[in-house]
Every structure is written in C-alpha cells, then in structure tokens.
C-alpha cells in the first residue's frame, strides 16, 4: 500500500487499539520489496514467480511496485516515516547479499 493509504489504515488501527482498552499504541510495520544496481529484470522475474498463484494481474502489480532506485527507496523511507510507521522493512528481491551493502550505503 502507498504511504497515504498506510497512514489512513494506521490511524484506524490506533483507534481500534484504544477502543479495545489497550495501553500505549499499536506498532505499525511496513514491508517493501527492493533491488538495486543492474538487477531489475531478475527482481521482476522473482516477484512475478512468487506471486503467480495469485494471478497474473496481482503478480504484475506487486512486481511493478518494488523500489529499484536510490531515490525511490529514500522517498519511501521518508514518506512512510511521515505517516507514523514504526518500522520499515526493506526486503531484497534478488539473492545477492551485496544488495544489503548497497542499501546500507543509501541509508547510513
């Protein structure tokens, strides 16, 4: 879900949390797929394959939503932080461990 939709959902979750008499606030966690470098084709194939059982349209939509540039990742981090997300998990869609290093260079 895009940040604005997540923010609206998070607001509803927080309200339900309070109405249920729970203390504090609910922890809101978001996961997004990413790949960096010359990995776009592999990333798209991997996501499509994983989501194929849900249908071609769903697989294509999810494959197309993965973050694949430094700017899109930085923008997503900022946008989700602005809507009150507590934790943002970035899940690499290619099996190269170097993806973690590339991501670390962006955010640290």
N, C-alpha and C. Protein backbone atom coordinates (compact mmCIF):
# COMPACT_ATOMS: atom_id res chain seq x y z
N UNK A 1 0.84 -1.18 0.00
CA UNK A 1 0.00 0.00 0.00
C UNK A 1 0.88 1.25 0.00
N UNK A 2 0.48 2.28 -0.70
CA UNK A 2 1.25 3.52 -0.69
C UNK A 2 1.16 4.19 0.69
N UNK A 3 2.11 5.08 0.97
CA UNK A 3 2.16 5.70 2.30
C UNK A 3 0.85 6.34 2.76
N UNK A 4 0.17 7.06 1.88
CA UNK A 4 -1.07 7.72 2.32
C UNK A 4 -2.12 6.70 2.75
N UNK A 5 -2.22 5.59 2.04
CA UNK A 5 -3.17 4.55 2.41
C UNK A 5 -2.75 3.86 3.71
N UNK A 6 -1.46 3.64 3.88
CA UNK A 6 -0.96 3.04 5.12
C UNK A 6 -1.22 3.97 6.29
N UNK A 7 -0.99 5.26 6.09
CA UNK A 7 -1.24 6.24 7.15
C UNK A 7 -2.68 6.23 7.60
N UNK A 8 -3.60 6.16 6.64
CA UNK A 8 -5.03 6.12 6.98
C UNK A 8 -5.37 4.83 7.72
N UNK A 9 -4.82 3.72 7.25
CA UNK A 9 -5.06 2.44 7.91
C UNK A 9 -4.45 2.44 9.32
N UNK A 10 -3.27 3.00 9.46
CA UNK A 10 -2.62 3.06 10.77
C UNK A 10 -3.47 3.86 11.75
N UNK A 11 -4.09 4.93 11.27
CA UNK A 11 -4.99 5.71 12.13
C UNK A 11 -6.17 4.88 12.62
N UNK A 12 -6.73 4.07 11.73
CA UNK A 12 -7.85 3.21 12.12
C UNK A 12 -7.39 2.13 13.11
N UNK A 13 -6.19 1.60 12.88
CA UNK A 13 -5.65 0.59 13.79
C UNK A 13 -5.43 1.20 15.18
N UNK A 14 -4.87 2.41 15.23
CA UNK A 14 -4.63 3.06 16.52
C UNK A 14 -5.95 3.33 17.25
N UNK A 15 -6.96 3.74 16.51
CA UNK A 15 -8.28 3.97 17.13
C UNK A 15 -8.85 2.67 17.69
N UNK A 16 -8.79 1.61 16.92
CA UNK A 16 -9.30 0.32 17.38
C UNK A 16 -8.51 -0.16 18.59
N UNK A 17 -7.22 0.07 18.58
CA UNK A 17 -6.35 -0.30 19.70
C UNK A 17 -6.83 0.37 20.99
N UNK A 18 -7.05 1.69 20.90
CA UNK A 18 -7.51 2.45 22.06
C UNK A 18 -8.90 2.02 22.50
N UNK A 19 -9.80 1.86 21.53
CA UNK A 19 -11.18 1.46 21.84
C UNK A 19 -11.24 0.09 22.51
N UNK A 20 -10.26 -0.75 22.23
CA UNK A 20 -10.20 -2.08 22.84
C UNK A 20 -9.61 -2.03 24.25
N UNK A 21 -9.23 -0.83 24.69
CA UNK A 21 -8.72 -0.67 26.04
C UNK A 21 -7.25 -1.03 26.19
N UNK A 22 -6.55 -1.12 25.10
CA UNK A 22 -5.12 -1.47 25.17
C UNK A 22 -4.31 -0.23 25.52
N UNK A 23 -3.25 -0.44 26.25
CA UNK A 23 -2.37 0.66 26.65
C UNK A 23 -1.37 0.98 25.55
N UNK A 24 -0.88 2.19 25.57
CA UNK A 24 0.13 2.60 24.59
C UNK A 24 -0.47 2.69 23.20
N UNK A 25 0.33 2.33 22.24
CA UNK A 25 -0.14 2.39 20.85
C UNK A 25 0.31 1.13 20.12
N UNK A 26 -0.43 0.80 19.08
CA UNK A 26 -0.09 -0.36 18.24
C UNK A 26 1.19 -0.04 17.47
N UNK A 27 1.99 -1.06 17.26
CA UNK A 27 3.22 -0.91 16.47
C UNK A 27 2.87 -1.19 15.01
N UNK A 28 3.17 -0.24 14.14
CA UNK A 28 2.84 -0.35 12.72
C UNK A 28 4.13 -0.63 11.94
N UNK A 29 4.14 -1.75 11.22
CA UNK A 29 5.31 -2.19 10.46
C UNK A 29 4.91 -2.33 8.99
N UNK A 30 5.76 -1.86 8.10
CA UNK A 30 5.52 -1.94 6.66
C UNK A 30 6.70 -2.67 6.01
N UNK A 31 6.41 -3.46 5.01
CA UNK A 31 7.45 -4.16 4.25
C UNK A 31 7.35 -3.73 2.79
N UNK A 32 8.49 -3.46 2.18
CA UNK A 32 8.53 -3.16 0.75
C UNK A 32 9.67 -3.95 0.13
N UNK A 33 9.47 -4.36 -1.10
CA UNK A 33 10.50 -5.06 -1.85
C UNK A 33 11.42 -4.05 -2.51
N UNK A 34 12.70 -4.42 -2.65
CA UNK A 34 13.63 -3.54 -3.33
C UNK A 34 14.69 -4.37 -4.06
N UNK A 35 15.35 -3.73 -4.99
CA UNK A 35 16.58 -4.24 -5.60
C UNK A 35 17.33 -3.03 -6.14
N UNK A 36 18.63 -3.12 -6.09
CA UNK A 36 19.47 -2.02 -6.56
C UNK A 36 20.50 -2.52 -7.56
N UNK A 37 21.01 -1.59 -8.33
CA UNK A 37 22.01 -1.96 -9.33
C UNK A 37 21.34 -2.55 -10.57
N UNK A 38 22.10 -3.32 -11.29
CA UNK A 38 21.64 -3.90 -12.55
C UNK A 38 20.88 -5.21 -12.28
N UNK A 39 19.78 -5.12 -11.53
CA UNK A 39 19.05 -6.31 -11.10
C UNK A 39 17.55 -6.25 -11.42
N UNK A 40 17.13 -5.24 -12.13
CA UNK A 40 15.70 -5.04 -12.34
C UNK A 40 15.02 -6.25 -12.97
N UNK A 41 15.58 -6.79 -14.03
CA UNK A 41 14.95 -7.94 -14.70
C UNK A 41 14.83 -9.14 -13.76
N UNK A 42 15.91 -9.43 -13.04
CA UNK A 42 15.88 -10.55 -12.11
C UNK A 42 14.86 -10.31 -10.99
N UNK A 43 14.83 -9.10 -10.49
CA UNK A 43 13.88 -8.75 -9.43
C UNK A 43 12.45 -8.93 -9.89
N UNK A 44 12.14 -8.44 -11.07
CA UNK A 44 10.78 -8.57 -11.61
C UNK A 44 10.42 -10.04 -11.78
N UNK A 45 11.33 -10.83 -12.35
CA UNK A 45 11.08 -12.27 -12.52
C UNK A 45 10.80 -12.94 -11.18
N UNK A 46 11.61 -12.63 -10.17
CA UNK A 46 11.46 -13.26 -8.86
C UNK A 46 10.12 -12.93 -8.21
N UNK A 47 9.74 -11.67 -8.28
CA UNK A 47 8.47 -11.27 -7.68
C UNK A 47 7.30 -11.88 -8.44
N UNK A 48 7.34 -11.83 -9.77
CA UNK A 48 6.27 -12.44 -10.57
C UNK A 48 6.12 -13.92 -10.24
N UNK A 49 7.22 -14.63 -10.20
CA UNK A 49 7.18 -16.07 -9.92
C UNK A 49 6.54 -16.35 -8.55
N UNK A 50 6.94 -15.58 -7.56
CA UNK A 50 6.42 -15.79 -6.20
C UNK A 50 4.91 -15.56 -6.14
N UNK A 51 4.43 -14.53 -6.84
CA UNK A 51 3.02 -14.16 -6.75
C UNK A 51 2.15 -14.75 -7.85
N UNK A 52 2.72 -15.56 -8.76
CA UNK A 52 1.93 -16.17 -9.83
C UNK A 52 0.66 -16.87 -9.36
N UNK A 53 0.70 -17.59 -8.24
CA UNK A 53 -0.53 -18.27 -7.80
C UNK A 53 -1.69 -17.32 -7.51
N UNK A 54 -1.39 -16.04 -7.30
CA UNK A 54 -2.44 -15.06 -7.03
C UNK A 54 -3.02 -14.47 -8.32
N UNK A 55 -2.47 -14.87 -9.46
CA UNK A 55 -2.94 -14.36 -10.74
C UNK A 55 -1.95 -13.39 -11.36
N UNK A 56 -1.97 -13.34 -12.67
CA UNK A 56 -1.02 -12.52 -13.42
C UNK A 56 -1.14 -11.05 -13.07
N UNK A 57 -2.35 -10.54 -12.98
CA UNK A 57 -2.54 -9.12 -12.70
C UNK A 57 -1.94 -8.74 -11.35
N UNK A 58 -2.19 -9.53 -10.33
CA UNK A 58 -1.66 -9.26 -9.00
C UNK A 58 -0.13 -9.36 -9.01
N UNK A 59 0.41 -10.39 -9.66
CA UNK A 59 1.86 -10.58 -9.74
C UNK A 59 2.53 -9.38 -10.42
N UNK A 60 1.93 -8.91 -11.51
CA UNK A 60 2.47 -7.76 -12.23
C UNK A 60 2.42 -6.49 -11.38
N UNK A 61 1.33 -6.29 -10.67
CA UNK A 61 1.18 -5.10 -9.84
C UNK A 61 2.24 -5.08 -8.74
N UNK A 62 2.43 -6.20 -8.09
CA UNK A 62 3.40 -6.26 -7.00
C UNK A 62 4.82 -6.15 -7.55
N UNK A 63 5.10 -6.82 -8.65
CA UNK A 63 6.44 -6.73 -9.26
C UNK A 63 6.75 -5.29 -9.65
N UNK A 64 5.76 -4.58 -10.13
CA UNK A 64 5.96 -3.20 -10.54
C UNK A 64 6.10 -2.23 -9.38
N UNK A 65 5.69 -2.64 -8.19
CA UNK A 65 5.74 -1.73 -7.04
C UNK A 65 7.06 -1.78 -6.28
N UNK A 66 7.93 -2.71 -6.62
CA UNK A 66 9.21 -2.82 -5.91
C UNK A 66 10.02 -1.54 -6.13
N UNK A 67 10.77 -1.17 -5.11
CA UNK A 67 11.62 0.01 -5.17
C UNK A 67 12.94 -0.38 -5.83
N UNK A 68 13.32 0.32 -6.89
CA UNK A 68 14.50 -0.10 -7.64
C UNK A 68 15.51 1.01 -7.90
N UNK A 69 15.32 2.15 -7.26
CA UNK A 69 16.30 3.22 -7.39
C UNK A 69 16.59 3.81 -6.01
N UNK A 70 17.74 4.43 -5.90
CA UNK A 70 18.09 5.08 -4.63
C UNK A 70 17.05 6.12 -4.26
N UNK A 71 16.61 6.91 -5.23
CA UNK A 71 15.62 7.95 -4.94
C UNK A 71 14.29 7.37 -4.48
N UNK A 72 13.86 6.26 -5.11
CA UNK A 72 12.57 5.69 -4.70
C UNK A 72 12.65 5.11 -3.29
N UNK A 73 13.80 4.54 -2.94
CA UNK A 73 13.96 3.99 -1.59
C UNK A 73 13.99 5.11 -0.56
N UNK A 74 14.80 6.14 -0.82
CA UNK A 74 14.86 7.26 0.12
C UNK A 74 13.49 7.94 0.25
N UNK A 75 12.81 8.09 -0.86
CA UNK A 75 11.48 8.70 -0.83
C UNK A 75 10.49 7.88 -0.03
N UNK A 76 10.55 6.56 -0.19
CA UNK A 76 9.64 5.69 0.56
C UNK A 76 9.94 5.74 2.05
N UNK A 77 11.22 5.72 2.40
CA UNK A 77 11.58 5.80 3.82
C UNK A 77 11.01 7.08 4.43
N UNK A 78 11.21 8.20 3.76
CA UNK A 78 10.70 9.48 4.25
C UNK A 78 9.17 9.50 4.31
N UNK A 79 8.54 9.03 3.25
CA UNK A 79 7.07 9.08 3.17
C UNK A 79 6.42 8.22 4.25
N UNK A 80 6.93 7.02 4.46
CA UNK A 80 6.35 6.15 5.49
C UNK A 80 6.62 6.70 6.88
N UNK A 81 7.79 7.30 7.09
CA UNK A 81 8.08 7.91 8.40
C UNK A 81 7.10 9.05 8.68
N UNK A 82 6.76 9.82 7.66
CA UNK A 82 5.85 10.95 7.83
C UNK A 82 4.44 10.52 8.20
N UNK A 83 4.04 9.31 7.85
CA UNK A 83 2.68 8.86 8.20
C UNK A 83 2.68 8.03 9.49
N UNK A 84 3.80 8.02 10.20
CA UNK A 84 3.82 7.41 11.52
C UNK A 84 4.15 5.94 11.60
N UNK A 85 4.81 5.41 10.60
CA UNK A 85 5.19 3.99 10.62
C UNK A 85 6.32 3.81 11.63
N UNK A 86 6.23 2.76 12.43
CA UNK A 86 7.25 2.49 13.44
C UNK A 86 8.47 1.76 12.87
N UNK A 87 8.24 0.88 11.91
CA UNK A 87 9.34 0.11 11.34
C UNK A 87 9.08 -0.11 9.85
N UNK A 88 10.12 0.07 9.06
CA UNK A 88 10.01 -0.10 7.61
C UNK A 88 11.03 -1.15 7.20
N UNK A 89 10.55 -2.29 6.77
CA UNK A 89 11.41 -3.40 6.38
C UNK A 89 11.60 -3.36 4.87
N UNK A 90 12.84 -3.38 4.43
CA UNK A 90 13.15 -3.44 3.00
C UNK A 90 13.68 -4.84 2.70
N UNK A 91 12.93 -5.55 1.87
CA UNK A 91 13.20 -6.96 1.56
C UNK A 91 13.78 -7.07 0.15
N UNK A 92 15.05 -7.49 0.03
CA UNK A 92 15.64 -7.59 -1.31
C UNK A 92 14.98 -8.70 -2.13
N UNK A 93 14.81 -8.44 -3.42
CA UNK A 93 14.15 -9.40 -4.31
C UNK A 93 15.11 -10.14 -5.19
N UNK A 94 16.39 -10.00 -4.95
CA UNK A 94 17.40 -10.81 -5.62
C UNK A 94 18.27 -11.43 -4.53
N UNK A 95 18.88 -12.57 -4.85
CA UNK A 95 19.58 -13.34 -3.83
C UNK A 95 21.01 -12.89 -3.57
N UNK A 96 21.44 -11.82 -4.17
CA UNK A 96 22.81 -11.32 -4.00
C UNK A 96 22.93 -10.60 -2.65
N UNK A 97 23.77 -11.12 -1.73
CA UNK A 97 23.94 -10.46 -0.43
C UNK A 97 24.46 -9.03 -0.54
N UNK A 98 25.05 -8.70 -1.68
CA UNK A 98 25.53 -7.35 -1.91
C UNK A 98 24.41 -6.32 -1.90
N UNK A 99 23.17 -6.77 -2.06
CA UNK A 99 22.04 -5.85 -2.00
C UNK A 99 21.97 -5.15 -0.64
N UNK A 100 22.32 -5.86 0.40
CA UNK A 100 22.30 -5.27 1.75
C UNK A 100 23.35 -4.17 1.85
N UNK A 101 24.53 -4.41 1.27
CA UNK A 101 25.58 -3.39 1.27
C UNK A 101 25.13 -2.15 0.49
N UNK A 102 24.53 -2.35 -0.67
CA UNK A 102 24.05 -1.22 -1.47
C UNK A 102 23.00 -0.42 -0.71
N UNK A 103 22.11 -1.12 -0.04
CA UNK A 103 21.08 -0.45 0.75
C UNK A 103 21.71 0.33 1.90
N UNK A 104 22.66 -0.28 2.59
CA UNK A 104 23.32 0.38 3.72
C UNK A 104 24.00 1.68 3.26
N UNK A 105 24.57 1.68 2.08
CA UNK A 105 25.22 2.89 1.57
C UNK A 105 24.22 4.02 1.41
N UNK A 106 22.97 3.68 1.13
CA UNK A 106 21.94 4.71 0.95
C UNK A 106 21.46 5.30 2.27
N UNK A 107 21.34 4.48 3.27
CA UNK A 107 20.65 4.92 4.48
C UNK A 107 21.57 5.26 5.64
N UNK A 108 22.84 4.95 5.53
CA UNK A 108 23.77 5.27 6.64
C UNK A 108 24.79 6.27 6.21
